[in-house]
Protein backbone atom coordinates (compact mmCIF):
# COMPACT_ATOMS: atom_id res chain seq x y z
CA MET A 1 4.16 315.02 -120.19
CA ASP A 2 3.01 314.20 -116.67
CA LYS A 3 1.45 317.16 -114.83
CA ILE A 4 3.30 317.88 -111.64
CA LEU A 5 1.21 320.91 -110.56
CA GLU A 6 -2.19 322.08 -111.79
CA ILE A 7 -3.78 325.29 -110.47
CA SER A 8 -7.23 326.56 -111.30
CA GLY A 9 -8.77 329.94 -110.22
CA LEU A 10 -6.22 330.69 -107.55
CA SER A 11 -6.90 333.92 -105.61
CA LYS A 12 -5.25 335.35 -102.55
CA ALA A 13 -6.10 338.56 -100.61
CA TYR A 14 -4.71 340.22 -97.55
CA THR A 15 -6.65 342.42 -95.14
CA GLN A 16 -4.90 345.73 -94.44
CA GLY A 17 -6.92 347.90 -91.98
CA HIS A 18 -10.46 347.92 -93.43
CA GLU A 19 -9.27 347.21 -96.94
CA GLN A 20 -8.91 343.93 -98.83
CA ILE A 21 -5.80 343.82 -101.06
CA LEU A 22 -6.04 341.25 -103.85
CA VAL A 23 -2.55 339.80 -104.56
CA LEU A 24 -3.52 336.88 -106.87
CA GLU A 25 -6.70 336.90 -108.89
CA GLY A 26 -8.20 333.83 -110.70
CA LEU A 27 -4.82 332.50 -111.63
CA ASP A 28 -4.42 329.33 -113.74
CA PHE A 29 -1.12 327.52 -114.06
CA HIS A 30 0.49 324.13 -114.72
CA ILE A 31 3.92 322.61 -114.97
CA SER A 32 4.93 319.19 -116.15
CA LYS A 33 7.70 316.68 -115.36
CA GLY A 34 10.99 317.82 -116.80
CA GLU A 35 9.72 321.34 -117.63
CA PHE A 36 11.55 324.56 -116.76
CA VAL A 37 9.13 327.44 -116.22
CA SER A 38 9.99 330.99 -115.17
CA ILE A 39 7.76 333.70 -113.75
CA VAL A 40 9.07 337.24 -114.11
CA GLY A 41 7.67 340.35 -112.53
CA PRO A 42 8.57 343.33 -110.33
CA SER A 43 8.69 343.32 -106.55
CA GLY A 44 5.21 343.29 -105.03
CA SER A 45 3.62 341.56 -108.06
CA GLY A 46 2.69 338.43 -106.06
CA LYS A 47 5.56 336.11 -107.12
CA SER A 48 6.67 335.16 -103.60
CA THR A 49 3.05 334.77 -102.45
CA PHE A 50 2.50 332.40 -105.35
CA LEU A 51 5.59 330.34 -104.42
CA ASN A 52 4.63 330.20 -100.78
CA ILE A 53 1.32 328.67 -101.74
CA VAL A 54 2.83 326.21 -104.26
CA GLY A 55 5.57 325.28 -101.74
CA LEU A 56 2.89 324.41 -99.07
CA LEU A 57 3.93 327.28 -96.83
CA ASP A 58 0.64 329.17 -97.11
CA ASP A 59 -2.78 327.45 -97.14
CA VAL A 60 -5.09 330.60 -97.02
CA TYR A 61 -6.34 331.04 -100.54
CA SER A 62 -9.28 330.17 -102.81
CA GLY A 63 -9.15 328.01 -105.93
CA GLU A 64 -8.02 324.44 -106.58
CA ILE A 65 -4.53 323.14 -106.51
CA ARG A 66 -3.43 319.62 -107.48
CA LEU A 67 0.20 318.80 -106.60
CA PHE A 68 1.43 315.36 -107.77
CA GLY A 69 -2.19 314.55 -108.46
CA ARG A 70 -3.43 315.27 -104.91
CA LYS A 71 -5.77 318.10 -104.02
CA LEU A 72 -4.02 320.23 -101.42
CA GLU A 73 -7.31 321.09 -99.80
CA ASP A 74 -7.75 317.46 -98.78
CA LEU A 75 -4.35 317.22 -97.00
CA ASP A 76 -3.69 317.89 -93.34
CA GLU A 77 -0.59 319.72 -92.10
CA ALA A 78 1.36 316.53 -91.39
CA GLN A 79 0.71 315.19 -94.84
CA LYS A 80 1.76 318.48 -96.37
CA ALA A 81 4.95 318.44 -94.29
CA VAL A 82 5.91 314.97 -95.64
CA LEU A 83 4.97 316.00 -99.17
CA ARG A 84 7.14 319.05 -98.96
CA LEU A 85 10.21 317.22 -97.49
CA LYS A 86 10.11 314.30 -99.90
CA ASN A 87 8.91 315.87 -103.18
CA ILE A 88 9.78 319.61 -103.20
CA GLY A 89 13.18 321.23 -103.25
CA PHE A 90 13.77 324.91 -102.51
CA VAL A 91 16.52 327.26 -103.78
CA PHE A 92 16.51 330.84 -102.57
CA GLN A 93 18.51 334.00 -103.29
CA PHE A 94 20.90 333.33 -100.38
CA ASP A 95 22.42 329.92 -100.08
CA SER A 96 21.94 329.46 -96.28
CA LEU A 97 24.57 326.72 -96.13
CA LEU A 98 25.53 325.67 -92.55
CA PRO A 99 28.99 327.07 -92.12
CA GLU A 100 30.32 324.39 -89.74
CA PHE A 101 29.57 321.56 -92.25
CA THR A 102 31.33 320.68 -95.41
CA VAL A 103 29.65 321.11 -98.84
CA LEU A 104 28.92 317.39 -98.92
CA GLU A 105 27.51 317.38 -95.41
CA ASN A 106 25.26 320.33 -96.29
CA ILE A 107 24.00 318.57 -99.42
CA GLU A 108 23.30 315.35 -97.41
CA MET A 109 21.16 317.25 -94.79
CA PRO A 110 17.73 316.69 -96.46
CA ALA A 111 18.50 312.98 -96.81
CA ARG A 112 19.66 312.71 -93.20
CA ILE A 113 16.38 314.25 -92.05
CA LEU A 114 14.57 311.45 -93.78
CA GLY A 115 17.02 308.88 -92.32
CA ARG A 116 18.52 308.22 -95.72
CA GLY A 117 21.91 309.77 -95.41
CA GLU A 118 24.39 308.18 -97.88
CA PRO A 119 27.38 310.28 -98.67
CA ALA A 120 28.13 308.35 -101.88
CA ARG A 121 24.83 309.65 -103.30
CA GLY A 122 25.78 313.23 -102.48
CA ARG A 123 29.20 312.81 -104.04
CA GLY A 124 27.53 311.36 -107.12
CA LEU A 125 25.36 314.49 -107.39
CA LEU A 126 28.45 316.70 -107.04
CA GLU A 127 30.19 314.81 -109.79
CA ARG A 128 27.20 314.97 -112.11
CA PHE A 129 27.33 318.77 -111.85
CA GLY A 130 31.12 319.04 -111.99
CA LEU A 131 31.54 320.12 -108.38
CA GLU A 132 33.42 317.11 -106.85
CA GLU A 133 36.42 319.28 -106.02
CA ILE A 134 34.52 321.30 -103.40
CA ALA A 135 32.83 318.28 -101.68
CA ASP A 136 35.04 318.40 -98.49
CA LYS A 137 35.42 322.21 -98.34
CA LEU A 138 33.68 324.44 -95.83
CA PRO A 139 31.31 327.04 -97.26
CA MET A 140 33.61 329.94 -96.13
CA SER A 141 36.33 328.61 -98.49
CA ILE A 142 34.36 328.50 -101.72
CA SER A 143 32.95 331.22 -103.99
CA GLY A 144 29.51 332.74 -103.93
CA GLY A 145 28.64 331.05 -107.20
CA GLU A 146 29.80 327.64 -105.86
CA LYS A 147 27.77 328.17 -102.62
CA GLN A 148 24.66 328.78 -104.63
CA ARG A 149 25.32 325.71 -106.77
CA ALA A 150 25.79 323.65 -103.60
CA ALA A 151 22.52 324.93 -102.31
CA MET A 152 20.82 323.85 -105.45
CA LEU A 153 22.29 320.33 -105.14
CA ARG A 154 21.03 320.26 -101.54
CA ALA A 155 17.56 320.98 -102.87
CA LEU A 156 17.95 318.16 -105.40
CA ARG A 157 19.37 315.61 -102.97
CA ASN A 158 16.07 313.82 -102.21
CA GLY A 159 15.13 313.60 -105.91
CA PRO A 160 12.21 316.07 -105.72
CA ALA A 161 9.55 316.06 -108.44
CA LEU A 162 9.36 319.82 -108.17
CA LEU A 163 12.23 322.34 -107.65
CA ILE A 164 11.15 325.85 -106.59
CA ALA A 165 13.79 328.57 -107.20
CA ASP A 166 13.05 331.93 -105.69
CA GLU A 167 15.39 334.62 -107.29
CA PRO A 168 18.23 332.01 -107.48
CA THR A 169 20.53 334.42 -109.40
CA GLY A 170 19.62 337.60 -107.51
CA ASN A 171 22.82 337.65 -105.52
CA LEU A 172 25.19 336.62 -108.37
CA ASP A 173 27.13 338.30 -111.12
CA ARG A 174 26.29 337.60 -114.76
CA HIS A 175 28.73 334.65 -115.24
CA ASN A 176 27.62 332.79 -112.13
CA SER A 177 23.97 333.56 -112.93
CA GLY A 178 24.51 331.79 -116.24
CA VAL A 179 26.03 328.83 -114.55
CA ILE A 180 23.04 328.48 -112.13
CA LEU A 181 20.58 328.80 -115.01
CA ASP A 182 22.49 326.01 -116.84
CA ASP A 183 22.23 323.89 -113.67
CA LEU A 184 18.49 324.49 -113.45
CA ARG A 185 18.12 323.33 -117.01
CA ARG A 186 20.23 320.29 -116.31
CA ALA A 187 17.95 319.46 -113.33
CA ALA A 188 14.95 319.73 -115.63
CA GLY A 189 16.70 317.40 -118.06
CA LEU A 190 16.92 314.86 -115.23
CA GLY A 191 13.08 314.93 -114.90
CA THR A 192 12.50 317.54 -112.24
CA ALA A 193 9.92 320.20 -112.84
CA VAL A 194 11.70 323.52 -112.26
CA LEU A 195 9.69 326.59 -111.30
CA MET A 196 11.74 329.80 -111.01
CA VAL A 197 10.57 333.28 -110.11
CA THR A 198 12.84 336.21 -110.92
CA HIS A 199 12.82 339.94 -111.66
CA ASN A 200 15.42 339.39 -114.38
CA GLU A 201 13.80 339.12 -117.81
CA GLU A 202 16.97 337.80 -119.36
CA ALA A 203 17.14 334.98 -116.90
CA ALA A 204 13.45 334.26 -117.35
CA ARG A 205 13.96 333.78 -121.12
CA ARG A 206 16.33 330.84 -120.43
CA ALA A 207 13.33 328.73 -119.39
CA ASP A 208 11.26 326.52 -121.64
CA ARG A 209 8.23 328.74 -120.88
CA ALA A 210 8.37 332.29 -119.51
CA LEU A 211 5.35 333.92 -117.88
CA HIS A 212 4.88 337.46 -116.65
CA MET A 213 3.07 338.24 -113.39
CA ALA A 214 1.22 341.47 -113.10
CA GLY A 215 -2.04 342.46 -111.37
CA GLY A 216 -2.27 339.02 -109.75
CA LYS A 217 -2.42 337.27 -113.13
CA LEU A 218 -0.02 335.28 -115.33
CA ASN A 219 0.46 336.00 -118.98
CA ALA A 220 2.92 334.64 -121.56
CA VAL A 221 5.98 336.88 -122.06
């Protein structure tokens, strides 16, 4: 399988007063094309810090990271911004859909930013995931589960090689959580590398590979 992300010796520390707090320590990680990997751990274990670094939102760390075969340390901010927009999709605990736009228009936003808006592509994505009936509805008129699924399709709209999901089921009931996890697996089946962090061990076990974060390190569950 093609490696999408390779990390070696990743460490991250914060300064608090006169004290250095180590959040990530010598962490090694990789994820390949079409693989669904979960990271589970309690609040404060470093999961979000890890995702911020992988998602090119934090560049203060030590260690080596190769994303899509490129060393992040060699890229400037403009190059990182383009890489993030074209190749990485983000799904968060809250959907953050724009209320004044339809579901289809929300899904098309990432493509429009790149000047590639094509509603037929967005509708095709909705059909592939069985959501064509909500395409022309406003977010206020659909359920919480449907909103989160729409947010996931928005993240997939530009065909990212890597989908980062930060607590994607944290705001959902058990049924809708299961639907989202099925969707993430379907996304992986389409060739996207899916990296999910969660505090829910049951959700974590739905991935191809589940890792536990504690003490700034990753270990197999």
